[in-house]
Amino acid sequence: MNLTENLQKYARLIVRAGCNLQKDQELFIRARLEAAPLVRLVTEEAYRAGAKEVTVAWSDERVTRLRYENAPMECFTNFPEWQAVQQNGIAQRGGAILSILSDDPQALSGVDSKKLLAGTKASRIACKPFFEGMDFGRNVWCIVGAAAPAWAKRVFPDCTEEEAVGKLWEAILHAARVDTPNPVAAWEVHRRSFEKRRAFLNEKQFDRLIYQNSIGTDITLGLPKDHIWQGGGSETVDGVYFFPNMPTEEIFCSPDRTRTSGTVHSALPLSFQGVLIDDFSLTFEKGRVTGCSAAQGEDTLREILATDDGAKMLGECALIPKQSPISEMGVLFYNTLFDENAACHFAIGMGFPECVQGGLQMSKEQLAALGINDSSTHVDFMLGTPDLSITGVTADGEEIPVFRDGGWAF
């Protein structure tokens, strides 16, 4: 693999397809220092595509950890005004938002989980236009990965640092279809591959889905009336098509926040802001989490659930067969962007307005009345196993297999 050549192809894919950057549009990039080589290539490609301006918000894992260990709580409950002005301004001017992830999965292990959650909540409040621009289809947004030494060593602990970084880059680029002659064209083919299954699910309009497997998941999710299964990409209210996640293998919907009952067990570890949560379960009654446990990271899990009222309810259910390219690689990335595309997953927190008819034009109150959850958080976790069974139940009670033995049943 020619890494230099493939990184240039990756940067072009991110700008031209992921962000689908338009002439005279701003691009806002959030990245760790370790991702600088990719950031520079993306910036160059963005200006080549006609970007008006590219702004980069840099961060450093060690500095971030020092802040969590030493700064008082008030620094996390009060989001910096200058950052809110910057982010809200870019969103209000129609900028595209790109996040490049290269985090060490355990960079913040052991820090005060209350500070982690307070910072997340404060940013959602202070940067409301920024986040609602993404949530309600006003802004293009894209999340991608970049290999970094600490992350690579977590994924490939038996390799030297140099070997681990090389192997992680190879896995990232393969997952994002960069190792093809024309990645932009490959993603257009990939987008079309979702259409038949989306059409089947949307035509059936299941009233509910029943999930069961051998590790203890036995849970039923109600679905809203006039729900829409999405997948393969998104479109802004102005008609600009983009890919929010690169890679992506999921077909997803938002369940009715009031109609979840049963227990779900995690199938893979969840890396949340540098804290690993593993071997956990959530029990729901009438849509709300009524019990939880975790072998590792339970305090952080409970803090996530306490973020706000909506954090105790589901905002997403996503279908990914065990035959997905990422699953077949057999690599545990310890990164939700990649691991969620290896297995079916749920998310607690914010639901998707585009998952009901006319949802992008509705208020939060109207969406809530239809069952779409509202929250200042959205946390994905993986539940898919090789023996997962999902059954769709129609409004008149007909049961139709959706998944059997971890893969599509139709």
Protein backbone atom coordinates (compact mmCIF):
# COMPACT_ATOMS: atom_id res chain seq x y z
CA MET A 1 0.00 0.00 0.00
CA ASN A 2 1.35 3.40 -1.02
CA LEU A 3 0.30 5.36 2.07
CA THR A 4 1.10 8.81 0.68
CA GLU A 5 -0.94 8.20 -2.46
CA ASN A 6 -3.84 6.68 -0.53
CA LEU A 7 -3.94 9.55 1.97
CA GLN A 8 -4.29 11.95 -0.94
CA LYS A 9 -7.15 9.82 -2.27
CA TYR A 10 -8.65 9.75 1.23
CA ALA A 11 -8.52 13.54 1.52
CA ARG A 12 -10.21 13.91 -1.86
CA LEU A 13 -12.91 11.42 -0.86
CA ILE A 14 -13.57 13.28 2.41
CA VAL A 15 -13.89 16.67 0.72
CA ARG A 16 -15.66 15.67 -2.51
CA ALA A 17 -18.02 12.96 -1.19
CA GLY A 18 -18.05 13.01 2.62
CA CYS A 19 -18.50 16.78 2.92
CA ASN A 20 -19.50 17.35 -0.73
CA LEU A 21 -17.95 20.77 -0.27
CA GLN A 22 -19.47 23.52 -2.40
CA LYS A 23 -17.69 26.50 -3.97
CA ASP A 24 -17.31 29.43 -1.52
CA GLN A 25 -18.40 27.28 1.44
CA GLU A 26 -16.51 27.28 4.74
CA LEU A 27 -15.04 24.10 6.20
CA PHE A 28 -14.58 23.63 9.96
CA ILE A 29 -12.26 20.78 11.01
CA ARG A 30 -11.90 19.32 14.51
CA ALA A 31 -8.83 17.13 14.94
CA ARG A 32 -6.07 15.93 17.26
CA LEU A 33 -2.50 17.03 16.64
CA GLU A 34 -1.60 13.48 15.56
CA ALA A 35 -3.91 13.85 12.55
CA ALA A 36 -2.01 16.89 11.20
CA PRO A 37 -0.75 15.18 7.99
CA LEU A 38 -4.31 14.27 6.98
CA VAL A 39 -5.66 17.68 8.06
CA ARG A 40 -3.16 19.40 5.78
CA LEU A 41 -4.13 17.23 2.82
CA VAL A 42 -7.85 17.84 3.48
CA THR A 43 -7.26 21.58 3.76
CA GLU A 44 -5.37 21.62 0.46
CA GLU A 45 -8.12 19.61 -1.25
CA ALA A 46 -10.82 21.86 0.23
CA TYR A 47 -9.24 25.00 -1.22
CA ARG A 48 -8.83 23.16 -4.52
CA ALA A 49 -12.58 22.48 -4.41
CA GLY A 50 -13.28 26.20 -3.96
CA ALA A 51 -13.57 26.53 -0.18
CA LYS A 52 -13.90 30.09 1.02
CA GLU A 53 -12.02 29.38 4.25
CA VAL A 54 -10.84 26.37 6.24
CA THR A 55 -10.73 26.66 10.05
CA VAL A 56 -9.05 23.99 12.19
CA ALA A 57 -9.76 23.48 15.89
CA TRP A 58 -6.80 21.49 17.24
CA SER A 59 -6.65 19.47 20.46
CA ASP A 60 -4.07 17.36 22.26
CA GLU A 61 -4.87 14.29 24.37
CA ARG A 62 -2.29 14.98 27.07
CA VAL A 63 -3.35 18.61 27.47
CA THR A 64 -6.99 17.52 27.55
CA ARG A 65 -6.29 14.98 30.29
CA LEU A 66 -4.33 17.54 32.33
CA ARG A 67 -7.32 19.86 32.13
CA TYR A 68 -9.71 17.19 33.40
CA GLU A 69 -7.33 16.28 36.23
CA ASN A 70 -6.64 19.83 37.41
CA ALA A 71 -9.30 22.33 36.32
CA PRO A 72 -12.30 22.89 38.65
CA MET A 73 -15.79 21.74 37.72
CA GLU A 74 -16.86 25.28 36.80
CA CYS A 75 -14.52 25.12 33.78
CA PHE A 76 -16.62 22.26 32.41
CA THR A 77 -20.07 23.57 33.25
CA ASN A 78 -19.28 26.92 31.59
CA PHE A 79 -18.47 26.50 27.90
CA PRO A 80 -16.00 29.13 26.58
CA GLU A 81 -17.95 31.94 24.91
CA TRP A 82 -15.37 32.45 22.17
CA GLN A 83 -15.67 28.82 21.09
CA ALA A 84 -19.46 29.05 20.98
CA VAL A 85 -19.26 32.22 18.86
CA GLN A 86 -16.86 30.50 16.47
CA GLN A 87 -18.81 27.27 16.07
CA ASN A 88 -22.27 28.84 15.96
CA GLY A 89 -21.07 31.41 13.44
CA ILE A 90 -19.67 28.80 11.08
CA ALA A 91 -22.89 26.78 11.28
CA GLN A 92 -25.08 29.82 10.70
CA ARG A 93 -23.03 30.74 7.62
CA GLY A 94 -23.68 27.27 6.20
CA GLY A 95 -20.24 25.79 6.82
CA ALA A 96 -19.44 22.10 6.51
CA ILE A 97 -18.28 20.39 9.72
CA LEU A 98 -15.63 17.68 9.66
CA SER A 99 -14.43 15.64 12.65
CA ILE A 100 -11.24 13.57 12.29
CA LEU A 101 -10.98 10.96 15.05
CA SER A 102 -7.63 9.58 16.19
CA ASP A 103 -8.23 9.26 19.93
CA ASP A 104 -6.57 6.77 22.25
CA PRO A 105 -9.58 4.72 23.45
CA GLN A 106 -8.41 5.00 27.07
CA ALA A 107 -6.86 8.47 27.04
CA LEU A 108 -9.20 9.69 29.77
CA SER A 109 -9.54 6.48 31.75
CA GLY A 110 -9.87 7.29 35.45
CA VAL A 111 -10.80 10.96 35.10
CA ASP A 112 -13.91 12.32 36.80
CA SER A 113 -16.83 11.16 34.65
CA LYS A 114 -18.96 14.03 35.99
CA LYS A 115 -16.57 16.48 34.32
CA LEU A 116 -16.77 14.58 31.04
CA LEU A 117 -20.54 14.71 30.96
CA ALA A 118 -20.72 18.30 32.23
CA GLY A 119 -18.47 19.43 29.39
CA THR A 120 -20.57 17.63 26.79
CA LYS A 121 -23.81 19.06 28.16
CA ALA A 122 -22.44 22.62 28.38
CA SER A 123 -21.23 22.50 24.78
CA ARG A 124 -24.64 21.33 23.53
CA ILE A 125 -26.34 24.23 25.32
CA ALA A 126 -23.85 26.95 24.32
CA CYS A 127 -23.51 25.70 20.73
CA LYS A 128 -27.19 25.04 20.06
CA PRO A 129 -27.17 26.48 16.50
CA PHE A 130 -24.06 24.42 15.72
CA PHE A 131 -25.57 21.09 16.83
CA GLU A 132 -29.08 21.79 15.56
CA GLY A 133 -27.58 22.67 12.19
CA MET A 134 -26.38 19.09 11.97
CA ASP A 135 -29.42 17.51 13.64
CA PHE A 136 -31.95 19.27 11.40
CA GLY A 137 -30.17 19.01 8.06
CA ARG A 138 -29.02 22.61 7.72
CA ASN A 139 -25.31 21.76 7.73
CA VAL A 140 -23.23 19.07 6.08
CA TRP A 141 -21.19 17.08 8.60
CA CYS A 142 -18.78 14.19 8.30
CA ILE A 143 -16.78 12.00 10.71
CA VAL A 144 -13.68 10.08 9.60
CA GLY A 145 -10.74 8.32 11.23
CA ALA A 146 -6.97 8.87 11.20
CA ALA A 147 -4.36 6.48 12.60
CA ALA A 148 -2.31 7.64 15.58
CA PRO A 149 0.30 5.77 17.69
CA ALA A 150 -1.61 5.39 20.97
CA TRP A 151 -4.82 4.29 19.24
CA ALA A 152 -2.91 1.93 16.93
CA LYS A 153 -1.17 0.23 19.87
CA ARG A 154 -4.55 -0.38 21.55
CA VAL A 155 -5.81 -2.09 18.40
CA PHE A 156 -2.59 -3.98 17.59
CA PRO A 157 -0.81 -4.38 20.96
CA ASP A 158 1.60 -7.08 19.75
CA CYS A 159 3.08 -4.89 17.00
CA THR A 160 5.76 -2.24 17.20
CA GLU A 161 4.38 1.29 17.16
CA GLU A 162 5.38 1.79 13.53
CA GLU A 163 3.84 -1.52 12.47
CA ALA A 164 0.67 -0.81 14.45
CA VAL A 165 0.19 2.59 12.83
CA GLY A 166 0.68 1.06 9.40
CA LYS A 167 -1.81 -1.71 10.08
CA LEU A 168 -4.37 0.73 11.47
CA TRP A 169 -4.05 2.98 8.42
CA GLU A 170 -4.53 -0.07 6.21
CA ALA A 171 -7.70 -1.03 8.11
CA ILE A 172 -9.10 2.53 8.08
CA LEU A 173 -8.48 2.99 4.36
CA HIS A 174 -9.95 -0.41 3.52
CA ALA A 175 -13.06 0.30 5.62
CA ALA A 176 -13.48 3.62 3.79
CA ARG A 177 -13.00 1.99 0.36
CA VAL A 178 -9.93 4.12 -0.33
CA ASP A 179 -8.01 1.08 -1.58
CA THR A 180 -10.10 1.10 -4.78
CA PRO A 181 -9.18 2.74 -8.11
CA ASN A 182 -11.76 5.51 -7.66
CA PRO A 183 -13.01 5.88 -4.07
CA VAL A 184 -15.55 8.62 -4.92
CA ALA A 185 -17.15 6.37 -7.55
CA ALA A 186 -16.98 3.39 -5.16
CA TRP A 187 -18.97 5.35 -2.59
CA GLU A 188 -21.65 6.16 -5.15
CA VAL A 189 -22.02 2.43 -5.85
CA HIS A 190 -22.04 1.79 -2.09
CA ARG A 191 -24.79 4.37 -1.60
CA ARG A 192 -27.03 2.64 -4.15
CA SER A 193 -26.50 -0.74 -2.46
CA PHE A 194 -28.66 0.37 0.48
CA GLU A 195 -31.72 1.23 -1.59
CA LYS A 196 -33.42 -2.20 -1.92
CA ARG A 197 -33.30 -3.02 1.78
CA ARG A 198 -34.37 0.48 2.78
CA ALA A 199 -37.31 0.20 0.35
CA PHE A 200 -38.36 -3.17 1.84
CA LEU A 201 -38.26 -1.89 5.42
CA ASN A 202 -40.06 1.35 4.58
CA GLU A 203 -42.77 -0.48 2.65
CA LYS A 204 -43.43 -2.88 5.55
CA GLN A 205 -43.82 -0.06 8.12
CA PHE A 206 -43.31 -2.46 11.01
CA ASP A 207 -45.09 -1.58 14.22
CA ARG A 208 -42.25 -3.05 16.30
CA LEU A 209 -39.02 -5.05 16.15
CA ILE A 210 -38.09 -7.95 18.47
CA TYR A 211 -34.35 -8.54 19.11
CA GLN A 212 -33.05 -11.79 20.64
CA ASN A 213 -29.66 -13.50 20.97
CA SER A 214 -27.75 -15.96 23.15
CA ILE A 215 -25.96 -13.37 25.35
CA GLY A 216 -29.22 -12.25 26.94
CA THR A 217 -30.66 -9.60 24.64
CA ASP A 218 -34.45 -9.88 24.56
CA ILE A 219 -35.94 -6.50 23.76
CA THR A 220 -38.83 -5.03 21.78
CA LEU A 221 -38.70 -1.61 20.10
CA GLY A 222 -41.82 0.18 18.92
CA LEU A 223 -41.45 2.23 15.73
CA PRO A 224 -43.17 5.58 15.04
CA LYS A 225 -45.97 5.93 12.54
CA ASP A 226 -44.70 7.00 9.10
CA HIS A 227 -41.11 6.20 10.06
CA ILE A 228 -38.34 6.21 7.46
CA TRP A 229 -35.32 3.91 7.39
CA GLN A 230 -32.23 5.81 6.26
CA GLY A 231 -28.75 4.70 5.30
CA GLY A 232 -25.93 5.22 2.85
CA GLY A 233 -25.83 8.98 3.23
CA SER A 234 -27.91 12.05 4.05
CA GLU A 235 -29.24 15.13 2.34
CA THR A 236 -29.48 18.69 3.66
CA VAL A 237 -32.70 20.66 3.44
CA ASP A 238 -31.04 22.46 0.50
CA GLY A 239 -30.56 19.18 -1.36
CA VAL A 240 -26.82 18.64 -0.85
CA TYR A 241 -26.03 14.91 -0.56
CA PHE A 242 -23.21 13.93 1.83
CA PHE A 243 -21.92 11.04 3.93
CA PRO A 244 -22.00 11.77 7.70
CA ASN A 245 -19.93 8.69 8.55
CA MET A 246 -17.03 7.25 6.59
CA PRO A 247 -17.17 4.28 6.84
CA THR A 248 -20.85 3.43 6.98
CA GLU A 249 -22.62 0.09 6.59
CA GLU A 250 -25.81 0.81 8.51
CA ILE A 251 -29.48 1.18 7.72
CA PHE A 252 -30.97 3.06 10.65
CA CYS A 253 -34.18 4.45 12.10
CA SER A 254 -35.35 6.17 15.28
CA PRO A 255 -37.62 4.05 17.47
CA ASP A 256 -40.61 5.39 19.39
CA ARG A 257 -38.99 6.67 22.58
CA THR A 258 -41.92 5.47 24.72
CA ARG A 259 -42.19 1.88 23.43
CA THR A 260 -38.98 0.06 24.33
CA SER A 261 -39.19 -2.86 26.77
CA GLY A 262 -36.77 -5.63 27.72
CA THR A 263 -33.03 -6.02 28.17
CA VAL A 264 -30.14 -5.46 25.77
CA HIS A 265 -26.56 -6.68 26.34
CA SER A 266 -23.50 -5.10 24.75
CA ALA A 267 -21.64 -7.22 22.19
CA LEU A 268 -18.51 -5.02 21.96
CA PRO A 269 -16.79 -2.54 24.30
CA LEU A 270 -17.85 1.11 24.09
CA SER A 271 -15.13 3.75 24.09
CA PHE A 272 -16.74 6.97 25.35
CA GLN A 273 -14.54 10.08 25.45
CA GLY A 274 -11.47 8.05 26.33
CA VAL A 275 -13.22 5.79 28.89
CA LEU A 276 -13.87 2.13 28.11
CA ILE A 277 -17.29 0.70 29.07
CA ASP A 278 -17.45 -3.06 28.67
CA ASP A 279 -19.77 -6.03 29.22
CA PHE A 280 -22.81 -3.93 30.09
CA SER A 281 -26.58 -4.26 29.90
CA LEU A 282 -29.56 -1.91 29.93
CA THR A 283 -33.10 -2.80 30.95
CA PHE A 284 -36.04 -0.73 29.63
CA GLU A 285 -39.66 -0.36 30.67
CA LYS A 286 -42.07 1.84 28.69
CA GLY A 287 -39.14 3.40 26.85
CA ARG A 288 -36.95 4.29 29.83
CA VAL A 289 -33.85 2.67 31.26
CA THR A 290 -34.81 1.22 34.63
CA GLY A 291 -31.60 -0.68 35.34
CA CYS A 292 -28.02 -0.96 34.13
CA SER A 293 -24.80 -2.78 34.96
CA ALA A 294 -21.27 -2.96 33.52
CA ALA A 295 -18.19 -5.03 34.27
CA GLN A 296 -16.05 -1.97 33.45
CA GLY A 297 -16.93 1.73 33.32
CA GLU A 298 -20.29 1.48 35.12
CA ASP A 299 -19.89 4.91 36.76
CA THR A 300 -19.44 6.53 33.35
CA LEU A 301 -22.40 4.59 31.96
CA ARG A 302 -24.59 5.88 34.78
CA GLU A 303 -23.35 9.44 34.21
CA ILE A 304 -24.29 9.19 30.53
CA LEU A 305 -27.79 8.05 31.48
CA ALA A 306 -28.06 10.99 33.89
CA THR A 307 -27.14 13.60 31.25
CA ASP A 308 -30.79 14.60 30.86
CA ASP A 309 -34.23 12.99 30.66
CA GLY A 310 -33.77 11.93 27.04
CA ALA A 311 -30.53 10.11 27.80
CA LYS A 312 -32.57 7.33 29.39
CA MET A 313 -34.40 6.56 26.12
CA LEU A 314 -33.39 5.26 22.70
CA GLY A 315 -32.80 7.56 19.73
CA GLU A 316 -31.53 5.06 17.15
CA CYS A 317 -31.64 1.44 16.05
CA ALA A 318 -29.26 0.45 13.25
CA LEU A 319 -29.04 -2.74 11.22
CA ILE A 320 -25.63 -4.06 10.07
CA PRO A 321 -25.15 -7.68 8.99
CA LYS A 322 -22.23 -9.75 10.24
CA GLN A 323 -21.08 -9.93 6.60
CA SER A 324 -20.11 -6.22 6.59
CA PRO A 325 -16.52 -5.47 5.41
CA ILE A 326 -15.54 -4.14 8.84
CA SER A 327 -16.91 -7.19 10.63
CA GLU A 328 -15.12 -9.50 8.20
CA MET A 329 -11.79 -7.77 8.91
CA GLY A 330 -12.05 -9.06 12.48
CA VAL A 331 -10.50 -5.89 13.90
CA LEU A 332 -11.83 -4.41 17.15
CA PHE A 333 -11.15 -0.69 16.68
CA TYR A 334 -12.23 0.51 20.15
CA ASN A 335 -13.78 3.40 18.22
CA THR A 336 -17.52 3.71 17.73
CA LEU A 337 -17.26 5.12 14.20
CA PHE A 338 -15.78 1.81 13.05
CA ASP A 339 -17.13 -0.72 15.56
CA GLU A 340 -20.74 0.40 15.10
CA ASN A 341 -20.38 -0.53 11.42
CA ALA A 342 -19.39 -4.06 12.34
CA ALA A 343 -22.54 -4.89 14.30
CA CYS A 344 -26.14 -3.89 14.86
CA HIS A 345 -26.36 -1.10 17.41
CA PHE A 346 -28.66 1.13 19.41
CA ALA A 347 -28.06 4.67 20.62
CA ILE A 348 -29.39 6.29 23.75
CA GLY A 349 -30.21 9.97 23.45
CA MET A 350 -31.03 12.18 20.47
CA GLY A 351 -33.19 10.73 17.70
CA PHE A 352 -33.15 11.67 14.02
CA PRO A 353 -35.74 14.08 12.58
CA GLU A 354 -35.16 12.65 9.09
CA CYS A 355 -36.49 9.28 10.29
CA VAL A 356 -40.13 10.38 10.13
CA GLN A 357 -42.03 11.89 7.22
CA GLY A 358 -41.50 15.67 7.20
CA GLY A 359 -39.38 15.54 10.34
CA LEU A 360 -36.74 18.05 9.22
CA GLN A 361 -39.44 20.72 9.04
CA MET A 362 -40.89 19.93 12.49
CA SER A 363 -40.22 21.47 15.90
CA LYS A 364 -38.78 19.35 18.70
CA GLU A 365 -42.22 19.31 20.32
CA GLN A 366 -43.82 17.95 17.15
CA LEU A 367 -41.12 15.31 16.83
CA ALA A 368 -41.55 14.28 20.46
CA ALA A 369 -45.29 13.83 19.88
CA LEU A 370 -44.41 11.32 17.13
CA GLY A 371 -42.00 9.47 19.42
CA ILE A 372 -38.63 10.92 18.30
CA ASN A 373 -36.36 11.34 21.31
CA ASP A 374 -34.68 14.62 22.26
CA SER A 375 -31.47 14.80 24.29
CA SER A 376 -28.18 16.66 24.52
CA THR A 377 -26.34 13.36 23.98
CA HIS A 378 -26.27 10.52 21.46
CA VAL A 379 -24.22 7.46 22.40
CA ASP A 380 -24.07 4.38 20.16
CA PHE A 381 -23.38 0.92 21.55
CA MET A 382 -23.09 -2.41 19.77
CA LEU A 383 -25.44 -5.34 20.38
CA GLY A 384 -25.09 -7.41 17.19
CA THR A 385 -23.85 -11.00 17.56
CA PRO A 386 -23.43 -13.86 15.03
CA ASP A 387 -26.70 -15.39 16.27
CA LEU A 388 -28.79 -12.20 16.49
CA SER A 389 -32.41 -12.61 15.48
CA ILE A 390 -34.65 -9.63 14.63
CA THR A 391 -38.33 -10.08 13.83
CA GLY A 392 -40.54 -7.35 12.44
CA VAL A 393 -44.17 -7.28 13.55
CA THR A 394 -46.68 -5.44 11.38
CA ALA A 395 -49.64 -3.44 12.68
CA ASP A 396 -51.94 -6.42 12.04
CA GLY A 397 -49.64 -8.82 13.94
CA GLU A 398 -47.84 -10.54 11.06
CA GLU A 399 -44.28 -11.58 12.01
CA ILE A 400 -41.61 -11.25 9.30
CA PRO A 401 -37.94 -12.23 9.74
CA VAL A 402 -35.59 -9.28 9.31
CA PHE A 403 -32.36 -10.82 10.67
CA ARG A 404 -31.48 -14.45 11.27
CA ASP A 405 -28.09 -15.68 12.50
CA GLY A 406 -26.68 -12.16 12.43
CA GLY A 407 -27.53 -11.41 8.78
CA TRP A 408 -30.37 -10.23 6.57
CA ALA A 409 -33.26 -12.68 6.35
CA PHE A 410 -34.71 -11.22 3.14
